[in-house]
Protein backbone atom coordinates (compact mmCIF):
# COMPACT_ATOMS: atom_id res chain seq x y z
CA MET A 1 93.24 122.75 99.52
CA ARG A 2 91.33 125.86 98.29
CA ARG A 3 89.59 123.14 95.47
CA LEU A 4 88.59 120.31 97.95
CA LEU A 5 86.93 123.61 100.65
CA ALA A 6 85.34 124.75 97.15
CA GLU A 7 84.12 120.76 96.35
CA VAL A 8 82.78 120.64 100.30
CA TRP A 9 81.39 123.99 100.33
CA ARG A 10 79.62 123.44 96.98
CA ARG A 11 77.56 120.90 99.13
CA PRO A 12 74.77 122.08 101.62
CA GLY A 13 75.34 119.37 104.58
CA GLY A 14 79.31 120.43 104.25
CA ALA A 15 78.77 124.34 103.80
CA PHE A 16 76.40 124.04 106.73
CA GLY A 17 79.60 121.93 108.59
CA LEU A 18 81.87 124.66 107.64
CA ILE A 19 80.31 127.57 108.72
CA VAL A 20 79.41 126.12 112.13
CA LEU A 21 82.74 124.18 112.20
CA VAL A 22 84.91 127.66 111.08
CA LEU A 23 82.76 129.48 114.59
CA VAL A 24 83.29 126.92 116.85
CA VAL A 25 87.53 127.34 116.60
CA ALA A 26 86.48 130.98 115.82
CA GLY A 27 84.66 131.02 119.41
CA ALA A 28 88.00 128.74 120.95
CA LEU A 29 90.19 131.02 119.66
CA VAL A 30 88.45 134.68 120.99
CA SER A 31 88.10 132.67 124.43
CA LEU A 32 91.57 132.99 125.15
CA MET A 33 91.43 136.63 125.23
CA TRP A 34 88.20 137.51 126.04
CA THR A 35 85.14 136.32 127.90
CA PRO A 36 81.98 138.27 128.45
CA HIS A 37 82.93 138.38 132.11
CA PRO A 38 85.43 136.63 134.12
CA LEU A 39 84.56 132.62 134.71
CA LEU A 40 85.14 132.81 138.61
CA ASP A 41 82.69 136.16 138.94
CA ALA A 42 79.70 134.96 140.04
CA ASP A 43 76.41 136.98 140.73
CA THR A 44 75.12 135.09 144.15
CA ALA A 45 72.33 137.43 143.46
CA ASN A 46 70.91 135.98 140.52
CA ARG A 47 71.43 132.45 140.17
CA LEU A 48 69.67 130.85 137.12
CA ALA A 49 68.46 134.32 135.90
CA HIS A 50 66.79 134.86 132.87
CA PRO A 51 68.43 135.55 129.78
CA SER A 52 68.83 139.66 129.98
CA TRP A 53 71.18 142.40 128.49
CA SER A 54 73.75 141.38 131.73
CA HIS A 55 73.96 137.65 130.92
CA PRO A 56 72.81 136.73 127.52
CA LEU A 57 72.19 133.30 128.05
CA GLY A 58 71.70 133.76 131.83
CA THR A 59 73.45 132.95 134.27
CA ASP A 60 74.00 128.97 136.24
CA THR A 61 73.56 127.60 139.96
CA VAL A 62 76.04 129.68 141.22
CA GLY A 63 75.87 133.13 139.23
CA ARG A 64 78.39 132.69 136.57
CA ASP A 65 77.44 133.97 133.72
CA MET A 66 76.20 131.14 130.82
CA ALA A 67 77.89 132.18 128.17
CA SER A 68 81.18 132.96 129.08
CA TRP A 69 81.43 129.59 130.43
CA LEU A 70 80.39 128.01 127.06
CA LEU A 71 82.48 130.58 125.17
CA ALA A 72 85.45 129.32 127.39
CA GLY A 73 84.17 125.68 127.18
CA THR A 74 84.55 125.78 123.62
CA ARG A 75 88.18 125.37 123.53
CA THR A 76 88.24 122.66 126.45
CA THR A 77 86.24 120.33 124.60
CA LEU A 78 87.75 121.11 121.01
CA ALA A 79 90.64 119.88 122.50
CA VAL A 80 89.50 116.99 123.46
CA SER A 81 87.92 116.01 119.96
CA ILE A 82 91.39 117.28 118.33
CA GLY A 83 93.39 115.02 120.72
CA ALA A 84 90.77 111.84 120.77
CA THR A 85 90.93 112.48 117.04
CA VAL A 86 94.54 112.35 116.08
CA LEU A 87 94.84 109.54 118.26
CA ALA A 88 92.09 107.96 116.60
CA GLY A 89 94.11 108.43 113.54
CA VAL A 90 96.71 106.89 114.25
CA VAL A 91 95.97 104.19 116.42
CA GLY A 92 93.50 103.14 113.51
CA VAL A 93 96.05 103.23 110.54
CA VAL A 94 98.32 101.18 112.52
CA LEU A 95 96.50 98.71 113.44
CA ALA A 96 95.10 98.45 110.27
CA ALA A 97 97.90 98.48 107.54
CA ALA A 98 99.68 95.71 110.28
CA SER A 99 96.54 93.65 110.49
CA ALA A 100 96.01 93.86 106.35
CA LEU A 101 99.99 93.80 105.19
CA LEU A 102 101.77 91.64 107.46
CA PRO A 103 102.01 87.67 106.80
CA THR A 104 99.37 85.38 108.43
CA GLY A 105 100.63 84.09 111.30
CA TRP A 106 101.49 88.13 112.09
CA SER A 107 97.94 89.23 110.84
CA GLU A 108 95.70 86.49 112.20
CA PRO A 109 96.23 87.64 115.89
CA LEU A 110 95.69 91.44 115.16
CA VAL A 111 92.22 90.99 113.87
CA VAL A 112 91.06 88.62 116.69
CA LEU A 113 92.16 91.27 118.81
CA ILE A 114 90.71 94.39 117.14
CA ASP A 115 87.22 92.10 117.18
CA ILE A 116 88.16 91.97 120.78
CA LEU A 117 88.54 94.85 121.11
CA VAL A 118 85.67 96.50 119.00
CA ALA A 119 83.31 95.64 121.80
CA LEU A 120 85.12 97.10 124.74
CA PRO A 121 82.80 100.30 124.93
CA VAL A 122 84.30 103.74 125.57
CA MET A 123 82.68 104.59 128.92
CA LEU A 124 84.12 101.31 130.12
CA LEU A 125 87.24 101.79 129.33
CA ALA A 126 87.29 105.20 130.31
CA MET A 127 86.74 103.94 133.96
CA LEU A 128 89.63 101.25 133.56
CA LEU A 129 91.83 104.24 132.81
CA ALA A 130 90.36 106.61 135.42
CA ALA A 131 90.47 103.60 138.39
CA PRO A 132 94.64 104.05 138.60
CA PHE A 133 95.00 107.76 136.86
CA GLY A 134 92.45 109.33 137.96
CA GLY A 135 89.39 111.15 135.87
CA SER A 136 90.71 114.08 134.02
CA LEU A 137 90.24 115.01 130.29
CA VAL A 138 93.14 113.28 129.55
CA VAL A 139 91.22 109.94 130.37
CA VAL A 140 89.05 110.79 128.10
CA VAL A 141 91.28 111.25 125.61
CA LEU A 142 92.88 108.29 125.67
CA ALA A 143 89.88 106.23 126.26
CA VAL A 144 87.93 107.93 122.49
CA GLY A 145 91.01 107.74 120.37
CA PHE A 146 92.26 104.06 121.60
CA GLY A 147 88.40 103.12 121.44
CA ALA A 148 87.51 104.82 118.06
CA GLY A 149 91.25 103.54 116.64
CA VAL A 150 90.24 100.28 117.01
CA SER A 151 87.28 100.59 115.16
CA THR A 152 88.61 102.95 112.96
CA ALA A 153 91.45 99.77 112.01
CA ARG A 154 88.27 97.67 111.93
CA VAL A 155 86.25 99.52 108.58
CA LEU A 156 89.74 100.27 107.00
CA ARG A 157 91.15 97.23 106.80
CA PRO A 158 88.96 94.91 104.22
CA ALA A 159 89.97 98.76 102.05
CA ILE A 160 93.27 99.06 103.14
CA ILE A 161 93.62 95.23 101.85
CA ALA A 162 91.41 95.89 98.56
CA VAL A 163 94.09 98.71 97.26
CA SER A 164 97.17 96.07 97.99
CA ARG A 165 95.74 93.76 96.17
CA SER A 166 95.41 95.86 93.00
CA ASP A 167 97.40 95.75 90.10
CA TYR A 168 99.73 99.24 89.84
CA LEU A 169 100.70 98.60 94.22
CA LEU A 170 101.75 94.87 92.41
CA ALA A 171 103.65 96.53 89.88
CA SER A 172 104.81 99.03 92.28
CA ARG A 173 105.75 96.05 94.52
CA ALA A 174 107.77 94.90 91.40
CA THR A 175 110.36 97.92 90.67
CA GLY A 176 111.17 96.87 94.29
CA THR A 177 109.64 100.62 96.31
CA GLY A 178 109.37 99.38 99.94
CA ASP A 179 106.49 98.64 102.23
CA LEU A 180 106.53 102.23 103.96
CA ALA A 181 106.89 104.51 100.23
CA ARG A 182 103.71 102.29 98.98
CA ILE A 183 101.34 102.60 102.54
CA VAL A 184 102.25 106.74 102.34
CA GLU A 185 102.54 106.83 98.50
CA HIS A 186 99.68 104.90 96.98
CA ILE A 187 97.34 103.08 99.92
CA LEU A 188 96.88 105.91 102.54
CA PRO A 189 95.39 108.64 99.27
CA ASN A 190 92.74 105.45 98.19
CA VAL A 191 91.61 104.82 101.76
CA SER A 192 91.27 108.36 102.79
CA PRO A 193 87.51 109.08 101.71
CA ALA A 194 87.13 106.31 104.79
CA ILE A 195 89.69 107.11 107.12
CA VAL A 196 88.43 111.14 106.49
CA VAL A 197 84.28 109.72 107.26
CA GLN A 198 86.05 107.20 110.17
CA LEU A 199 87.74 110.67 112.25
CA SER A 200 84.42 113.01 111.99
CA ASN A 201 82.62 110.58 113.72
CA THR A 202 85.27 109.69 115.98
CA ALA A 203 85.21 113.67 117.07
CA ALA A 204 81.58 113.70 117.10
CA VAL A 205 81.75 110.76 119.46
CA ALA A 206 84.81 112.72 121.49
CA ILE A 207 82.39 115.72 122.61
CA LEU A 208 79.92 113.23 123.09
CA SER A 209 81.91 110.90 125.44
CA GLU A 210 83.57 114.49 127.07
CA VAL A 211 79.90 115.52 127.90
CA GLY A 212 79.07 112.01 129.09
CA LEU A 213 81.90 111.32 131.51
CA THR A 214 82.33 114.36 132.69
CA PHE A 215 78.53 113.55 134.37
CA LEU A 216 79.87 110.26 135.56
CA GLY A 217 82.48 112.10 136.90
CA TYR A 218 85.64 110.80 135.37
CA GLY A 219 86.24 113.87 132.43
CA ALA A 220 86.46 117.97 133.00
CA SER A 221 87.22 119.24 136.82
CA PRO A 222 84.53 121.50 138.29
CA ALA A 223 87.07 124.40 137.62
CA THR A 224 87.89 123.37 134.31
CA PRO A 225 85.07 124.74 132.05
CA SER A 226 83.38 122.63 129.13
CA TRP A 227 80.56 121.72 127.35
CA GLY A 228 80.18 118.63 129.16
CA ARG A 229 80.69 120.84 132.60
CA VAL A 230 78.52 123.31 131.61
CA LEU A 231 75.57 120.73 131.00
CA SER A 232 76.59 119.02 133.98
CA ASN A 233 75.94 121.43 136.58
CA ALA A 234 72.58 123.06 134.91
CA GLN A 235 70.66 119.11 135.06
CA ALA A 236 69.73 119.25 138.20
CA PHE A 237 68.17 122.50 137.57
CA ILE A 238 66.27 121.78 134.45
CA GLY A 239 62.97 122.19 136.21
CA VAL A 240 63.63 125.63 137.89
CA ALA A 241 65.77 127.03 134.82
CA PRO A 242 64.60 124.70 132.18
CA LEU A 243 67.00 127.14 129.35
CA SER A 244 70.03 126.70 131.59
CA VAL A 245 70.10 123.00 129.73
CA VAL A 246 69.01 123.88 126.22
CA TRP A 247 72.20 126.25 125.98
CA PRO A 248 75.00 123.69 126.40
CA GLY A 249 72.93 120.48 124.90
CA LEU A 250 71.89 122.57 121.72
CA THR A 251 75.53 123.76 121.07
CA ILE A 252 76.67 120.36 121.59
CA ALA A 253 73.75 119.09 119.19
CA ILE A 254 74.74 121.33 116.43
CA THR A 255 78.40 120.89 116.40
CA VAL A 256 78.01 117.39 116.44
CA LEU A 257 75.65 117.85 113.34
CA ALA A 258 77.71 119.71 111.87
CA LEU A 259 81.12 117.38 111.95
CA ALA A 260 78.78 114.37 111.02
CA GLN A 261 77.43 116.43 107.35
CA PHE A 262 81.36 117.99 106.92
CA GLY A 263 82.84 114.49 106.87
CA ASP A 264 80.31 113.25 104.65
CA ALA A 265 80.84 116.74 102.21
CA LEU A 266 84.62 115.90 102.25
CA ARG A 267 84.10 112.17 101.92
CA ASP A 268 82.09 112.90 98.57
CA ALA A 269 85.04 115.71 97.65
CA LEU A 270 87.90 113.62 98.22
CA ASP A 271 86.25 110.48 96.22
CA PRO A 272 86.70 110.29 92.53
CA ALA A 273 83.18 108.11 91.99
CA LEU A 274 81.06 110.19 94.05
CA ARG A 275 82.26 113.36 92.33
CA ARG A 276 80.55 112.03 89.61
CA GLY A 277 77.82 110.96 90.55
CA THR A 278 78.16 107.60 90.48
CA VAL A 279 78.98 105.30 93.69
CA ILE A 280 80.88 101.89 93.00
CA VAL A 281 81.21 98.83 96.19
CA THR A 282 83.66 96.20 96.18
CA GLU A 283 83.88 93.54 97.73
CA PRO A 284 87.45 91.80 98.20
CA GLU A 285 87.42 87.82 97.21
CA GLY A 286 88.20 86.31 100.81
CA VAL A 287 88.61 89.33 102.92
CA ALA A 288 87.82 88.78 106.40
CA ALA A 289 84.49 91.34 107.91
């Protein structure tokens, strides 16, 4: 792990992403014990106030400290991002492995199903889930995790097929190694760079989706601190207090950029061909896109 992080750190984008992600995680942990002001403290005489010593990022529409809500929102947004990423990883790997390795009678219907589900927007899926269950952060996690998981399966399937046709996998099968053992020991390590990139993108998409779904009323409740809720509350007053929109927007943009940069650097560090400065692209014959 230390060697892998050192490889990531050597790349400028990786160093930037690693620093920002460490700060985000640290902020989430700190917010569990301390925020500059209590979240429910409202200074009604100073609503939409400009930054000051008392309120470094100003106040929101009801006079609550903007810095405190952004700091507390870090843990909510981070929890949504991690939950959606884990779910997407499980769904994506299971669907990709099943559609790539099962007999044709099972794999072809799965491929068609994946192609259909890829076209289903995350926002629409969240609305469909919110209809019976109501809007909540759980709906965001399920919608983003399932939607991104299907897209991950779409990307991983050709890579898994290519690896499964390699000589060492055929030799492993000849020695009697079980299917699950081959997947865990040989296939997943060889497609891990693609998984890393997809899941880093999923984490970024989860943050953006939480913002969008909260704005539409399907995400965090008004009492739950999250970056999406802070931005949603401030957008109606952008003409009066533009900085109240700038701070959450800048926080979201920097974090999403950091995730993208960190994912690219981690992919490069995991891929031996990219570490040597060469890129090898293989297109397995007869594999459907």
